[in-house]
Amino acid sequence: MGPLTLVYLRDGRMILTAEPFADWREAQDRYADYMSSLAFETIEAVRRYLVLEYRITEERAAVITAGWQSGEVEIEV
Protein backbone atom coordinates (compact mmCIF):
# COMPACT_ATOMS: atom_id res chain seq x y z
CA MET A 1 0.00 0.00 0.00
CA GLY A 2 1.05 3.63 -0.34
CA PRO A 3 2.50 5.81 2.40
CA LEU A 4 -0.99 7.13 3.26
CA THR A 5 -4.03 4.96 3.80
CA LEU A 6 -7.63 6.07 4.06
CA VAL A 7 -9.44 3.46 6.15
CA TYR A 8 -13.23 3.16 6.04
CA LEU A 9 -14.81 1.90 9.26
CA ARG A 10 -18.20 0.24 9.74
CA ASP A 11 -19.42 3.06 11.99
CA GLY A 12 -19.11 5.52 9.08
CA ARG A 13 -15.81 7.10 10.13
CA MET A 14 -12.77 7.41 7.91
CA ILE A 15 -9.25 7.40 9.29
CA LEU A 16 -6.25 8.75 7.39
CA THR A 17 -3.09 7.09 8.60
CA ALA A 18 0.59 6.92 7.75
CA GLU A 19 0.93 3.58 9.51
CA PRO A 20 2.60 1.25 7.01
CA PHE A 21 0.45 -1.68 5.87
CA ALA A 22 1.71 -4.37 3.52
CA ASP A 23 -1.86 -5.10 2.42
CA TRP A 24 -5.51 -4.65 3.41
CA ARG A 25 -5.32 -7.58 5.84
CA GLU A 26 -2.82 -5.69 8.00
CA ALA A 27 -5.15 -2.70 8.04
CA GLN A 28 -8.02 -5.00 8.97
CA ASP A 29 -5.97 -6.39 11.86
CA ARG A 30 -5.27 -2.85 13.12
CA TYR A 31 -8.91 -1.65 13.02
CA ALA A 32 -11.53 -4.00 14.49
CA ASP A 33 -14.38 -2.34 12.55
CA TYR A 34 -12.45 -2.17 9.25
CA MET A 35 -14.56 -2.14 6.12
CA SER A 36 -12.25 -1.05 3.29
CA SER A 37 -9.16 1.04 2.56
CA LEU A 38 -7.50 3.06 -0.18
CA ALA A 39 -3.80 3.85 -0.50
CA PHE A 40 -2.42 7.23 -1.61
CA GLU A 41 1.07 8.49 -2.37
CA THR A 42 0.58 12.09 -1.18
CA ILE A 43 -1.74 14.23 0.93
CA GLU A 44 -2.59 16.14 -2.27
CA ALA A 45 -3.85 12.88 -3.82
CA VAL A 46 -6.05 12.34 -0.75
CA ARG A 47 -7.46 15.84 -1.14
CA ARG A 48 -8.17 15.33 -4.85
CA TYR A 49 -9.95 12.08 -4.04
CA LEU A 50 -12.13 13.77 -1.40
CA VAL A 51 -13.02 16.56 -3.83
CA LEU A 52 -13.96 14.16 -6.62
CA GLU A 53 -15.64 11.44 -4.56
CA TYR A 54 -17.50 13.58 -2.03
CA ARG A 55 -18.02 16.68 -4.18
CA ILE A 56 -16.54 19.08 -1.67
CA THR A 57 -14.43 22.14 -2.38
CA GLU A 58 -10.65 22.03 -2.38
CA GLU A 59 -10.72 24.38 0.60
CA ARG A 60 -12.95 21.98 2.55
CA ALA A 61 -10.68 19.05 1.68
CA ALA A 62 -7.72 21.06 2.98
CA VAL A 63 -9.56 21.77 6.24
CA ILE A 64 -10.52 18.11 6.65
CA THR A 65 -6.91 16.99 6.22
CA ALA A 66 -5.36 19.92 8.11
CA GLY A 67 -4.37 17.73 11.04
CA TRP A 68 -1.91 16.07 8.75
CA GLN A 69 0.26 19.19 8.61
CA SER A 70 0.41 19.27 12.42
CA GLY A 71 2.40 16.04 12.34
CA GLU A 72 -0.38 13.65 13.34
CA VAL A 73 0.20 10.06 12.25
CA GLU A 74 -3.52 9.31 12.23
CA ILE A 75 -6.50 11.67 11.78
CA GLU A 76 -10.21 11.15 11.53
CA VAL A 77 -11.50 12.47 8.22
PDB file of N, CA and C in Angstrom:
ATOM      1  N   MET A   1       0.846  -1.179   0.000  1.00  0.00           N
ATOM      2  CA  MET A   1       0.000   0.000   0.000  1.00  0.00           C
ATOM      3  C   MET A   1       0.892   1.243   0.000  1.00  0.00           C
ATOM      4  N   GLY A   2       0.289   2.385  -0.293  1.00  0.00           N
ATOM      5  CA  GLY A   2       1.047   3.629  -0.338  1.00  0.00           C
ATOM      6  C   GLY A   2       1.386   4.139   1.047  1.00  0.00           C
ATOM      7  N   PRO A   3       2.107   5.247   1.105  1.00  0.00           N
ATOM      8  CA  PRO A   3       2.499   5.808   2.400  1.00  0.00           C
ATOM      9  C   PRO A   3       1.325   6.362   3.216  1.00  0.00           C
ATOM     10  N   LEU A   4       0.208   6.657   2.559  1.00  0.00           N
ATOM     11  CA  LEU A   4      -0.988   7.130   3.258  1.00  0.00           C
ATOM     12  C   LEU A   4      -2.140   6.178   2.959  1.00  0.00           C
ATOM     13  N   THR A   5      -2.901   5.855   3.981  1.00  0.00           N
ATOM     14  CA  THR A   5      -4.033   4.955   3.799  1.00  0.00           C
ATOM     15  C   THR A   5      -5.277   5.585   4.391  1.00  0.00           C
ATOM     16  N   LEU A   6      -6.328   5.615   3.607  1.00  0.00           N
ATOM     17  CA  LEU A   6      -7.633   6.067   4.060  1.00  0.00           C
ATOM     18  C   LEU A   6      -8.430   4.816   4.387  1.00  0.00           C
ATOM     19  N   VAL A   7      -8.764   4.665   5.677  1.00  0.00           N
ATOM     20  CA  VAL A   7      -9.436   3.459   6.154  1.00  0.00           C
ATOM     21  C   VAL A   7     -10.899   3.786   6.418  1.00  0.00           C
ATOM     22  N   TYR A   8     -11.789   3.017   5.821  1.00  0.00           N
ATOM     23  CA  TYR A   8     -13.228   3.160   6.044  1.00  0.00           C
ATOM     24  C   TYR A   8     -13.644   2.191   7.141  1.00  0.00           C
ATOM     25  N   LEU A   9     -14.361   2.710   8.140  1.00  0.00           N
ATOM     26  CA  LEU A   9     -14.811   1.896   9.260  1.00  0.00           C
ATOM     27  C   LEU A   9     -16.320   1.676   9.191  1.00  0.00           C
ATOM     28  N   ARG A  10     -16.783   0.603   9.784  1.00  0.00           N
ATOM     29  CA  ARG A  10     -18.205   0.243   9.739  1.00  0.00           C
ATOM     30  C   ARG A  10     -19.112   1.290  10.385  1.00  0.00           C
ATOM     31  N   ASP A  11     -18.597   2.050  11.327  1.00  0.00           N
ATOM     32  CA  ASP A  11     -19.424   3.064  11.993  1.00  0.00           C
ATOM     33  C   ASP A  11     -19.539   4.354  11.188  1.00  0.00           C
ATOM     34  N   GLY A  12     -18.992   4.358   9.963  1.00  0.00           N
ATOM     35  CA  GLY A  12     -19.106   5.517   9.083  1.00  0.00           C
ATOM     36  C   GLY A  12     -17.915   6.460   9.128  1.00  0.00           C
ATOM     37  N   ARG A  13     -16.999   6.238  10.051  1.00  0.00           N
ATOM     38  CA  ARG A  13     -15.815   7.098  10.128  1.00  0.00           C
ATOM     39  C   ARG A  13     -14.790   6.700   9.081  1.00  0.00           C
ATOM     40  N   MET A  14     -13.926   7.659   8.761  1.00  0.00           N
ATOM     41  CA  MET A  14     -12.768   7.409   7.910  1.00  0.00           C
ATOM     42  C   MET A  14     -11.544   7.871   8.667  1.00  0.00           C
ATOM     43  N   ILE A  15     -10.497   7.076   8.626  1.00  0.00           N
ATOM     44  CA  ILE A  15      -9.246   7.398   9.291  1.00  0.00           C
ATOM     45  C   ILE A  15      -8.159   7.504   8.229  1.00  0.00           C
ATOM     46  N   LEU A  16      -7.405   8.600   8.263  1.00  0.00           N
ATOM     47  CA  LEU A  16      -6.251   8.753   7.389  1.00  0.00           C
ATOM     48  C   LEU A  16      -5.024   8.458   8.238  1.00  0.00           C
ATOM     49  N   THR A  17      -4.234   7.498   7.808  1.00  0.00           N
ATOM     50  CA  THR A  17      -3.089   7.086   8.603  1.00  0.00           C
ATOM     51  C   THR A  17      -1.836   6.933   7.750  1.00  0.00           C
ATOM     52  N   ALA A  18      -0.700   7.147   8.391  1.00  0.00           N
ATOM     53  CA  ALA A  18       0.592   6.918   7.747  1.00  0.00           C
ATOM     54  C   ALA A  18       1.200   5.615   8.239  1.00  0.00           C
ATOM     55  N   GLU A  19       0.438   4.881   9.044  1.00  0.00           N
ATOM     56  CA  GLU A  19       0.929   3.583   9.507  1.00  0.00           C
ATOM     57  C   GLU A  19       1.148   2.684   8.296  1.00  0.00           C
ATOM     58  N   PRO A  20       2.325   2.075   8.184  1.00  0.00           N
ATOM     59  CA  PRO A  20       2.597   1.250   7.006  1.00  0.00           C
ATOM     60  C   PRO A  20       1.846  -0.085   7.070  1.00  0.00           C
ATOM     61  N   PHE A  21       1.143  -0.407   6.005  1.00  0.00           N
ATOM     62  CA  PHE A  21       0.446  -1.677   5.871  1.00  0.00           C
ATOM     63  C   PHE A  21       0.948  -2.360   4.603  1.00  0.00           C
ATOM     64  N   ALA A  22       1.283  -3.622   4.703  1.00  0.00           N
ATOM     65  CA  ALA A  22       1.710  -4.372   3.522  1.00  0.00           C
ATOM     66  C   ALA A  22       0.528  -4.632   2.597  1.00  0.00           C
ATOM     67  N   ASP A  23      -0.655  -4.834   3.198  1.00  0.00           N
ATOM     68  CA  ASP A  23      -1.856  -5.098   2.416  1.00  0.00           C
ATOM     69  C   ASP A  23      -3.089  -4.792   3.273  1.00  0.00           C
ATOM     70  N   TRP A  24      -4.269  -4.994   2.700  1.00  0.00           N
ATOM     71  CA  TRP A  24      -5.506  -4.648   3.407  1.00  0.00           C
ATOM     72  C   TRP A  24      -5.712  -5.509   4.644  1.00  0.00           C
ATOM     73  N   ARG A  25      -5.157  -6.713   4.660  1.00  0.00           N
ATOM     74  CA  ARG A  25      -5.322  -7.576   5.838  1.00  0.00           C
ATOM     75  C   ARG A  25      -4.640  -6.984   7.070  1.00  0.00           C
ATOM     76  N   GLU A  26      -3.493  -6.346   6.873  1.00  0.00           N
ATOM     77  CA  GLU A  26      -2.819  -5.694   7.995  1.00  0.00           C
ATOM     78  C   GLU A  26      -3.662  -4.541   8.523  1.00  0.00           C
ATOM     79  N   ALA A  27      -4.273  -3.789   7.621  1.00  0.00           N
ATOM     80  CA  ALA A  27      -5.152  -2.697   8.040  1.00  0.00           C
ATOM     81  C   ALA A  27      -6.353  -3.264   8.786  1.00  0.00           C
ATOM     82  N   GLN A  28      -6.883  -4.360   8.313  1.00  0.00           N
ATOM     83  CA  GLN A  28      -8.023  -4.999   8.970  1.00  0.00           C
ATOM     84  C   GLN A  28      -7.640  -5.475  10.376  1.00  0.00           C
ATOM     85  N   ASP A  29      -6.444  -5.967  10.543  1.00  0.00           N
ATOM     86  CA  ASP A  29      -5.972  -6.389  11.865  1.00  0.00           C
ATOM     87  C   ASP A  29      -5.837  -5.204  12.816  1.00  0.00           C
ATOM     88  N   ARG A  30      -5.475  -4.047  12.293  1.00  0.00           N
ATOM     89  CA  ARG A  30      -5.275  -2.850  13.119  1.00  0.00           C
ATOM     90  C   ARG A  30      -6.595  -2.234  13.577  1.00  0.00           C
ATOM     91  N   TYR A  31      -7.619  -2.272  12.728  1.00  0.00           N
ATOM     92  CA  TYR A  31      -8.913  -1.649  13.020  1.00  0.00           C
ATOM     93  C   TYR A  31      -9.995  -2.725  13.085  1.00  0.00           C
ATOM     94  N   ALA A  32     -10.546  -2.931  14.274  1.00  0.00           N
ATOM     95  CA  ALA A  32     -11.531  -4.001  14.491  1.00  0.00           C
ATOM     96  C   ALA A  32     -12.766  -3.830  13.607  1.00  0.00           C
ATOM     97  N   ASP A  33     -13.173  -2.587  13.356  1.00  0.00           N
ATOM     98  CA  ASP A  33     -14.380  -2.344  12.551  1.00  0.00           C
ATOM     99  C   ASP A  33     -14.045  -1.933  11.111  1.00  0.00           C
ATOM    100  N   TYR A  34     -12.910  -2.429  10.620  1.00  0.00           N
ATOM    101  CA  TYR A  34     -12.448  -2.172   9.252  1.00  0.00           C
ATOM    102  C   TYR A  34     -13.483  -2.624   8.224  1.00  0.00           C
ATOM    103  N   MET A  35     -13.682  -1.793   7.216  1.00  0.00           N
ATOM    104  CA  MET A  35     -14.564  -2.142   6.125  1.00  0.00           C
ATOM    105  C   MET A  35     -13.799  -2.187   4.791  1.00  0.00           C
ATOM    106  N   SER A  36     -12.976  -1.151   4.555  1.00  0.00           N
ATOM    107  CA  SER A  36     -12.250  -1.047   3.293  1.00  0.00           C
ATOM    108  C   SER A  36     -11.121  -0.030   3.473  1.00  0.00           C
ATOM    109  N   SER A  37     -10.232   0.043   2.492  1.00  0.00           N
ATOM    110  CA  SER A  37      -9.160   1.040   2.561  1.00  0.00           C
ATOM    111  C   SER A  37      -8.666   1.383   1.163  1.00  0.00           C
ATOM    112  N   LEU A  38      -8.104   2.575   1.063  1.00  0.00           N
ATOM    113  CA  LEU A  38      -7.498   3.058  -0.179  1.00  0.00           C
ATOM    114  C   LEU A  38      -6.122   3.621   0.153  1.00  0.00           C
ATOM    115  N   ALA A  39      -5.160   3.358  -0.700  1.00  0.00           N
ATOM    116  CA  ALA A  39      -3.804   3.853  -0.504  1.00  0.00           C
ATOM    117  C   ALA A  39      -3.545   5.061  -1.400  1.00  0.00           C
ATOM    118  N   PHE A  40      -2.772   6.011  -0.879  1.00  0.00           N
ATOM    119  CA  PHE A  40      -2.418   7.226  -1.612  1.00  0.00           C
ATOM    120  C   PHE A  40      -0.934   7.504  -1.438  1.00  0.00           C
ATOM    121  N   GLU A  41      -0.355   8.141  -2.425  1.00  0.00           N
ATOM    122  CA  GLU A  41       1.065   8.491  -2.366  1.00  0.00           C
ATOM    123  C   GLU A  41       1.320   9.818  -1.646  1.00  0.00           C
ATOM    124  N   THR A  42       0.375  10.757  -1.760  1.00  0.00           N
ATOM    125  CA  THR A  42       0.578  12.094  -1.185  1.00  0.00           C
ATOM    126  C   THR A  42      -0.699  12.605  -0.545  1.00  0.00           C
ATOM    127  N   ILE A  43      -0.570  13.598   0.314  1.00  0.00           N
ATOM    128  CA  ILE A  43      -1.742  14.233   0.925  1.00  0.00           C
ATOM    129  C   ILE A  43      -2.550  14.970  -0.146  1.00  0.00           C
ATOM    130  N   GLU A  44      -1.882  15.475  -1.177  1.00  0.00           N
ATOM    131  CA  GLU A  44      -2.589  16.137  -2.267  1.00  0.00           C
ATOM    132  C   GLU A  44      -3.492  15.147  -3.003  1.00  0.00           C
ATOM    133  N   ALA A  45      -3.032  13.912  -3.172  1.00  0.00           N
ATOM    134  CA  ALA A  45      -3.853  12.880  -3.815  1.00  0.00           C
ATOM    135  C   ALA A  45      -5.081  12.560  -2.963  1.00  0.00           C
ATOM    136  N   VAL A  46      -4.915  12.557  -1.656  1.00  0.00           N
ATOM    137  CA  VAL A  46      -6.055  12.343  -0.751  1.00  0.00           C
ATOM    138  C   VAL A  46      -7.065  13.469  -0.934  1.00  0.00           C
ATOM    139  N   ARG A  47      -6.569  14.687  -0.977  1.00  0.00           N
ATOM    140  CA  ARG A  47      -7.464  15.842  -1.145  1.00  0.00           C
ATOM    141  C   ARG A  47      -8.210  15.782  -2.479  1.00  0.00           C
ATOM    142  N   ARG A  48      -7.506  15.450  -3.548  1.00  0.00           N
ATOM    143  CA  ARG A  48      -8.166  15.327  -4.854  1.00  0.00           C
ATOM    144  C   ARG A  48      -9.248  14.259  -4.816  1.00  0.00           C
ATOM    145  N   TYR A  49      -8.962  13.151  -4.168  1.00  0.00           N
ATOM    146  CA  TYR A  49      -9.950  12.075  -4.037  1.00  0.00           C
ATOM    147  C   TYR A  49     -11.188  12.571  -3.284  1.00  0.00           C
ATOM    148  N   LEU A  50     -10.992  13.265  -2.174  1.00  0.00           N
ATOM    149  CA  LEU A  50     -12.125  13.772  -1.395  1.00  0.00           C
ATOM    150  C   LEU A  50     -12.967  14.743  -2.216  1.00  0.00           C
ATOM    151  N   VAL A  51     -12.305  15.602  -2.985  1.00  0.00           N
ATOM    152  CA  VAL A  51     -13.019  16.564  -3.831  1.00  0.00           C
ATOM    153  C   VAL A  51     -13.853  15.838  -4.885  1.00  0.00           C
ATOM    154  N   LEU A  52     -13.251  14.876  -5.542  1.00  0.00           N
ATOM    155  CA  LEU A  52     -13.958  14.160  -6.616  1.00  0.00           C
ATOM    156  C   LEU A  52     -15.029  13.211  -6.081  1.00  0.00           C
ATOM    157  N   GLU A  53     -14.720  12.471  -5.058  1.00  0.00           N
ATOM    158  CA  GLU A  53     -15.636  11.445  -4.561  1.00  0.00           C
ATOM    159  C   GLU A  53     -16.784  12.018  -3.735  1.00  0.00           C
ATOM    160  N   TYR A  54     -16.485  13.041  -2.945  1.00  0.00           N
ATOM    161  CA  TYR A  54     -17.496  13.579  -2.032  1.00  0.00           C
ATOM    162  C   TYR A  54     -18.026  14.947  -2.449  1.00  0.00           C
ATOM    163  N   ARG A  55     -17.546  15.411  -3.598  1.00  0.00           N
ATOM    164  CA  ARG A  55     -18.017  16.680  -4.183  1.00  0.00           C
ATOM    165  C   ARG A  55     -17.943  17.843  -3.192  1.00  0.00           C
ATOM    166  N   ILE A  56     -16.786  17.952  -2.560  1.00  0.00           N
ATOM    167  CA  ILE A  56     -16.540  19.078  -1.665  1.00  0.00           C
ATOM    168  C   ILE A  56     -15.530  20.002  -2.333  1.00  0.00           C
ATOM    169  N   THR A  57     -15.384  21.190  -1.802  1.00  0.00           N
ATOM    170  CA  THR A  57     -14.429  22.136  -2.378  1.00  0.00           C
ATOM    171  C   THR A  57     -13.005  21.750  -1.967  1.00  0.00           C
ATOM    172  N   GLU A  58     -12.059  22.251  -2.726  1.00  0.00           N
ATOM    173  CA  GLU A  58     -10.649  22.032  -2.378  1.00  0.00           C
ATOM    174  C   GLU A  58     -10.334  22.612  -1.011  1.00  0.00           C
ATOM    175  N   GLU A  59     -10.943  23.748  -0.700  1.00  0.00           N
ATOM    176  CA  GLU A  59     -10.720  24.376   0.597  1.00  0.00           C
ATOM    177  C   GLU A  59     -11.218  23.483   1.727  1.00  0.00           C
ATOM    178  N   ARG A  60     -12.392  22.877   1.536  1.00  0.00           N
ATOM    179  CA  ARG A  60     -12.954  21.981   2.554  1.00  0.00           C
ATOM    180  C   ARG A  60     -12.076  20.741   2.713  1.00  0.00           C
ATOM    181  N   ALA A  61     -11.577  20.203   1.617  1.00  0.00           N
ATOM    182  CA  ALA A  61     -10.683  19.046   1.678  1.00  0.00           C
ATOM    183  C   ALA A  61      -9.409  19.398   2.445  1.00  0.00           C
ATOM    184  N   ALA A  62      -8.907  20.620   2.252  1.00  0.00           N
ATOM    185  CA  ALA A  62      -7.715  21.060   2.980  1.00  0.00           C
ATOM    186  C   ALA A  62      -7.998  21.169   4.471  1.00  0.00           C
ATOM    187  N   VAL A  63      -9.187  21.663   4.833  1.00  0.00           N
ATOM    188  CA  VAL A  63      -9.564  21.768   6.241  1.00  0.00           C
ATOM    189  C   VAL A  63      -9.682  20.379   6.864  1.00  0.00           C
ATOM    190  N   ILE A  64     -10.323  19.471   6.146  1.00  0.00           N
ATOM    191  CA  ILE A  64     -10.520  18.106   6.649  1.00  0.00           C
ATOM    192  C   ILE A  64      -9.185  17.420   6.922  1.00  0.00           C
ATOM    193  N   THR A  65      -8.207  17.654   6.081  1.00  0.00           N
ATOM    194  CA  THR A  65      -6.909  16.991   6.221  1.00  0.00           C
ATOM    195  C   THR A  65      -5.870  17.864   6.926  1.00  0.00           C
ATOM    196  N   ALA A  66      -6.297  18.975   7.498  1.00  0.00           N
ATOM    197  CA  ALA A  66      -5.364  19.924   8.109  1.00  0.00           C
ATOM    198  C   ALA A  66      -4.547  19.310   9.234  1.00  0.00           C
ATOM    199  N   GLY A  67      -5.110  18.374   9.964  1.00  0.00           N
ATOM    200  CA  GLY A  67      -4.370  17.733  11.042  1.00  0.00           C
ATOM    201  C   GLY A  67      -3.099  17.063  10.574  1.00  0.00           C
ATOM    202  N   TRP A  68      -3.088  16.728   9.305  1.00  0.00           N
ATOM    203  CA  TRP A  68      -1.912  16.069   8.748  1.00  0.00           C
ATOM    204  C   TRP A  68      -0.687  16.966   8.821  1.00  0.00           C
ATOM    205  N   GLN A  69      -0.857  18.264   8.579  1.00  0.00           N
ATOM    206  CA  GLN A  69       0.264  19.191   8.615  1.00  0.00           C
ATOM    207  C   GLN A  69       0.790  19.388  10.036  1.00  0.00           C
ATOM    208  N   SER A  70      -0.026  19.085  11.035  1.00  0.00           N
ATOM    209  CA  SER A  70       0.414  19.269  12.417  1.00  0.00           C
ATOM    210  C   SER A  70       1.270  18.097  12.886  1.00  0.00           C
ATOM    211  N   GLY A  71       1.517  17.147  12.009  1.00  0.00           N
ATOM    212  CA  GLY A  71       2.397  16.042  12.338  1.00  0.00           C
ATOM    213  C   GLY A  71       1.691  14.820  12.887  1.00  0.00           C
ATOM    214  N   GLU A  72       0.365  14.814  12.848  1.00  0.00           N
ATOM    215  CA  GLU A  72      -0.382  13.650  13.336  1.00  0.00           C
ATOM    216  C   GLU A  72      -0.093  12.452  12.433  1.00  0.00           C
ATOM    217  N   VAL A  73      -0.006  11.286  13.020  1.00  0.00           N
ATOM    218  CA  VAL A  73       0.202  10.057  12.255  1.00  0.00           C
ATOM    219  C   VAL A  73      -1.135   9.486  11.805  1.00  0.00           C
ATOM    220  N   GLU A  74      -2.199   9.833  12.537  1.00  0.00           N
ATOM    221  CA  GLU A  74      -3.525   9.314  12.228  1.00  0.00           C
ATOM    222  C   GLU A  74      -4.538  10.404  12.529  1.00  0.00           C
ATOM    223  N   ILE A  75      -5.428  10.692  11.564  1.00  0.00           N
ATOM    224  CA  ILE A  75      -6.498  11.672  11.785  1.00  0.00           C
ATOM    225  C   ILE A  75      -7.814  11.093  11.322  1.00  0.00           C
ATOM    226  N   GLU A  76      -8.882  11.524  11.973  1.00  0.00           N
ATOM    227  CA  GLU A  76     -10.207  11.147  11.527  1.00  0.00           C
ATOM    228  C   GLU A  76     -10.641  12.141  10.478  1.00  0.00           C
ATOM    229  N   VAL A  77     -11.098  11.625   9.350  1.00  0.00           N
ATOM    230  CA  VAL A  77     -11.498  12.469   8.223  1.00  0.00           C
ATOM    231  C   VAL A  77     -13.002  12.668   8.252  1.00  0.00           C
TER     232      VAL A  77
END
